[in-house]
Amino acid sequence: MTDSPTENKSSNAGPPESDPATAAILDAAALLLAERGVSGFTSDALAKAASVSKSSIYSRWRSKDEIFVSLTGHVAGAATVADVGDLAAELRAWFVDRQKVYNQPGFRQVITSLVEVASHDPVVDSEMAVYLHNQHTTFKQIVRRAQERGEVDSGWDPALLEEYVIGPVMYRVLLDDEPLDDETLDAFRRLAMTALLGTPPPA
């Protein structure tokens, strides 16, 4: 594994996290990245933090880039929201799930570090974008189900609605460095409902 975050690119997002050892290494990687940033993230430091051999890391990822891509899903994976036939209930469940994820200790530091890597490396940026696109589909699924039930106007683009709703949440968490408390969560949820239930203006 190279210690340079711009070498040994791969489209492989890493081993499945169903392997407990892999999940434990990623937990250690998240803590290490949160504490030391990109410059302090080395294979030696990760092996020590995870209490594993470097060969154990090498067998799962060929480069730091691959670890960073895996971390994207590990710390901010997709929400799981059941189809209960009601937009308000499903949206509430989605926000509660995201609250748990975004309020994790070190979440802001890890995500901003990953953004730093991606901003300087187009290959990593592309891989992370694909990974997030594949993983973060829950909100769009909620909107599409609501459109099929007639709760949300079919003229709305689910992808744009997702950006509209998630944008302010991420701004608060990443830029303002403020927790997603219950009061703010409920305000964002009500704003999202207002937007989703509206009718798109004529083009």
Protein backbone atom coordinates (compact mmCIF):
# COMPACT_ATOMS: atom_id res chain seq x y z
CA MET A 1 0.00 0.00 0.00
CA THR A 2 1.34 3.40 -0.90
CA ASP A 3 1.19 6.21 1.63
CA SER A 4 0.50 8.69 -1.15
CA PRO A 5 -3.22 9.47 -1.50
CA THR A 6 -2.83 9.98 -5.24
CA GLU A 7 -1.21 6.72 -6.30
CA ASN A 8 -2.40 3.21 -7.17
CA LYS A 9 -5.90 4.12 -8.28
CA SER A 10 -8.54 1.42 -8.43
CA SER A 11 -12.22 1.15 -9.19
CA ASN A 12 -12.48 -1.44 -6.42
CA ALA A 13 -14.31 0.00 -3.42
CA GLY A 14 -12.80 -2.58 -1.09
CA PRO A 15 -13.91 -5.76 0.66
CA PRO A 16 -17.44 -6.24 2.02
CA GLU A 17 -18.05 -4.89 5.50
CA SER A 18 -19.85 -8.08 6.47
CA ASP A 19 -16.36 -9.23 7.44
CA PRO A 20 -15.99 -8.12 11.11
CA ALA A 21 -12.25 -7.56 10.71
CA THR A 22 -12.82 -5.26 7.74
CA ALA A 23 -15.43 -3.25 9.64
CA ALA A 24 -13.07 -2.96 12.62
CA ILE A 25 -10.24 -1.67 10.40
CA LEU A 26 -12.59 0.90 8.86
CA ASP A 27 -13.69 2.00 12.33
CA ALA A 28 -10.04 2.55 13.22
CA ALA A 29 -9.43 4.29 9.90
CA ALA A 30 -12.29 6.72 10.56
CA LEU A 31 -10.93 7.59 14.00
CA LEU A 32 -7.41 7.99 12.63
CA LEU A 33 -8.56 10.25 9.81
CA ALA A 34 -10.65 12.33 12.22
CA GLU A 35 -7.73 12.78 14.62
CA ARG A 36 -4.78 13.21 12.22
CA GLY A 37 -6.25 14.22 8.89
CA VAL A 38 -5.01 13.11 5.49
CA SER A 39 -1.35 13.94 6.16
CA GLY A 40 -1.26 11.74 9.26
CA PHE A 41 -3.06 8.81 7.67
CA THR A 42 -0.39 6.19 6.94
CA SER A 43 -0.46 2.42 6.68
CA ASP A 44 1.77 2.15 9.76
CA ALA A 45 -0.53 4.39 11.78
CA LEU A 46 -3.61 2.49 10.62
CA ALA A 47 -2.11 -0.89 11.47
CA LYS A 48 -1.28 0.36 14.95
CA ALA A 49 -4.68 1.97 15.47
CA ALA A 50 -6.53 -1.15 14.28
CA SER A 51 -4.18 -3.55 16.11
CA VAL A 52 -3.62 -5.55 12.93
CA SER A 53 -0.65 -6.31 10.72
CA LYS A 54 0.00 -4.26 7.62
CA SER A 55 -0.44 -7.44 5.58
CA SER A 56 -4.00 -7.68 6.90
CA ILE A 57 -4.64 -4.23 5.46
CA TYR A 58 -2.81 -5.00 2.19
CA SER A 59 -4.98 -8.07 1.66
CA ARG A 60 -8.11 -5.91 1.69
CA TRP A 61 -7.04 -2.67 0.00
CA ARG A 62 -4.22 -1.99 -2.44
CA SER A 63 -3.92 1.72 -1.66
CA LYS A 64 -5.08 4.47 0.64
CA ASP A 65 -7.37 5.60 -2.15
CA GLU A 66 -9.32 2.35 -1.87
CA ILE A 67 -9.59 2.79 1.90
CA PHE A 68 -10.90 6.33 1.43
CA VAL A 69 -13.56 5.11 -1.00
CA SER A 70 -14.61 2.39 1.45
CA LEU A 71 -14.73 4.94 4.26
CA THR A 72 -17.22 7.03 2.29
CA GLY A 73 -19.82 4.31 2.61
CA HIS A 74 -18.70 3.21 6.06
CA VAL A 75 -19.28 6.55 7.76
CA ALA A 76 -22.18 7.81 5.62
CA GLY A 77 -23.93 4.76 4.22
CA ALA A 78 -27.45 4.69 2.87
CA ALA A 79 -30.44 4.98 5.15
CA THR A 80 -32.89 2.09 5.34
CA VAL A 81 -36.48 3.30 5.36
CA ALA A 82 -39.38 0.89 4.99
CA ASP A 83 -42.27 1.57 2.64
CA VAL A 84 -45.10 2.31 5.08
CA GLY A 85 -47.32 4.07 2.58
CA ASP A 86 -47.01 7.53 4.11
CA LEU A 87 -44.62 10.30 3.06
CA ALA A 88 -44.52 12.04 6.45
CA ALA A 89 -43.67 8.84 8.32
CA GLU A 90 -41.00 7.77 5.84
CA LEU A 91 -39.43 11.23 5.77
CA ARG A 92 -39.34 11.31 9.58
CA ALA A 93 -37.60 7.92 9.61
CA TRP A 94 -35.08 9.15 7.05
CA PHE A 95 -34.21 12.25 9.07
CA VAL A 96 -33.85 10.24 12.30
CA ASP A 97 -31.50 7.83 10.53
CA ARG A 98 -29.39 10.68 9.13
CA GLN A 99 -29.30 12.35 12.55
CA LYS A 100 -27.60 9.28 14.01
CA VAL A 101 -25.08 9.16 11.17
CA TYR A 102 -24.23 12.86 10.96
CA ASN A 103 -23.91 13.25 14.74
CA GLN A 104 -21.28 10.52 15.00
CA PRO A 105 -18.11 11.74 16.75
CA GLY A 106 -15.58 12.72 14.11
CA PHE A 107 -18.07 12.61 11.22
CA ARG A 108 -17.32 16.17 10.11
CA GLN A 109 -13.56 15.66 10.25
CA VAL A 110 -13.72 12.41 8.28
CA ILE A 111 -16.01 13.76 5.56
CA THR A 112 -14.04 16.98 5.10
CA SER A 113 -10.82 14.96 4.86
CA LEU A 114 -12.37 12.73 2.22
CA VAL A 115 -13.53 15.80 0.31
CA GLU A 116 -9.96 17.12 0.51
CA VAL A 117 -8.64 13.93 -1.08
CA ALA A 118 -11.31 13.91 -3.78
CA SER A 119 -10.77 17.59 -4.62
CA HIS A 120 -7.16 16.88 -5.59
CA ASP A 121 -7.66 13.50 -7.20
CA PRO A 122 -10.19 13.15 -10.05
CA VAL A 123 -10.07 9.36 -9.97
CA VAL A 124 -10.92 9.18 -6.27
CA ASP A 125 -13.51 11.90 -6.80
CA SER A 126 -15.14 9.85 -9.55
CA GLU A 127 -15.08 6.63 -7.53
CA MET A 128 -16.60 8.33 -4.49
CA ALA A 129 -19.31 9.92 -6.62
CA VAL A 130 -20.27 6.55 -8.09
CA TYR A 131 -20.20 4.93 -4.66
CA LEU A 132 -22.43 7.62 -3.16
CA HIS A 133 -24.80 7.49 -6.12
CA ASN A 134 -25.23 3.75 -5.62
CA GLN A 135 -25.54 3.95 -1.84
CA HIS A 136 -27.53 7.11 -1.24
CA THR A 137 -30.73 6.37 -3.11
CA THR A 138 -33.11 6.11 -0.15
CA PHE A 139 -34.42 9.68 -0.27
CA LYS A 140 -35.16 9.44 -3.99
CA GLN A 141 -36.95 6.13 -3.38
CA ILE A 142 -39.12 7.82 -0.74
CA VAL A 143 -40.02 10.59 -3.19
CA ARG A 144 -40.77 8.19 -6.04
CA ARG A 145 -43.05 6.10 -3.82
CA ALA A 146 -44.86 9.26 -2.74
CA GLN A 147 -45.23 10.28 -6.39
CA GLU A 148 -46.72 6.89 -7.23
CA ARG A 149 -49.21 7.32 -4.38
CA GLY A 150 -50.08 10.82 -5.58
CA GLU A 151 -48.70 12.54 -2.46
CA VAL A 152 -45.98 14.39 -4.38
CA ASP A 153 -46.41 16.05 -7.77
CA SER A 154 -44.83 13.90 -10.48
CA GLY A 155 -43.38 17.06 -12.02
CA TRP A 156 -40.69 17.22 -9.36
CA ASP A 157 -37.32 15.62 -10.10
CA PRO A 158 -36.48 13.34 -7.10
CA ALA A 159 -32.75 13.95 -7.55
CA LEU A 160 -33.16 17.74 -7.35
CA LEU A 161 -35.45 17.41 -4.34
CA GLU A 162 -32.79 15.29 -2.67
CA GLU A 163 -30.16 18.00 -3.22
CA TYR A 164 -32.59 20.65 -1.96
CA VAL A 165 -33.28 18.77 1.27
CA ILE A 166 -29.82 17.36 2.01
CA GLY A 167 -27.96 20.59 1.18
CA PRO A 168 -29.00 22.60 4.27
CA VAL A 169 -28.45 19.58 6.52
CA MET A 170 -24.90 19.08 5.29
CA TYR A 171 -24.24 22.83 5.46
CA ARG A 172 -25.13 22.80 9.15
CA VAL A 173 -23.09 19.68 9.93
CA LEU A 174 -20.00 20.32 7.78
CA LEU A 175 -19.69 24.10 7.45
CA ASP A 176 -21.36 25.41 10.60
CA ASP A 177 -20.05 22.46 12.66
CA GLU A 178 -23.34 22.32 14.54
CA PRO A 179 -25.04 19.14 15.73
CA LEU A 180 -28.29 18.01 14.17
CA ASP A 181 -30.40 18.37 17.32
CA ASP A 182 -34.03 17.31 17.60
CA GLU A 183 -35.44 20.83 17.21
CA THR A 184 -33.41 21.55 14.08
CA LEU A 185 -34.15 18.10 12.71
CA ASP A 186 -37.89 18.70 13.05
CA ALA A 187 -37.59 22.12 11.40
CA PHE A 188 -35.72 20.63 8.43
CA ARG A 189 -38.31 17.86 8.19
CA ARG A 190 -41.20 20.34 8.10
CA LEU A 191 -39.42 22.47 5.49
CA ALA A 192 -38.86 19.35 3.40
CA MET A 193 -42.53 18.42 3.64
CA THR A 194 -43.50 21.92 2.53
CA ALA A 195 -41.27 21.64 -0.53
CA LEU A 196 -42.34 18.10 -1.40
CA LEU A 197 -46.06 18.81 -1.16
CA GLY A 198 -45.86 21.95 -3.29
CA THR A 199 -46.71 22.08 -6.99
CA PRO A 200 -43.89 22.93 -9.41
CA PRO A 201 -44.39 26.29 -11.14
CA PRO A 202 -44.80 26.31 -14.93
CA ALA A 203 -41.53 26.04 -16.85
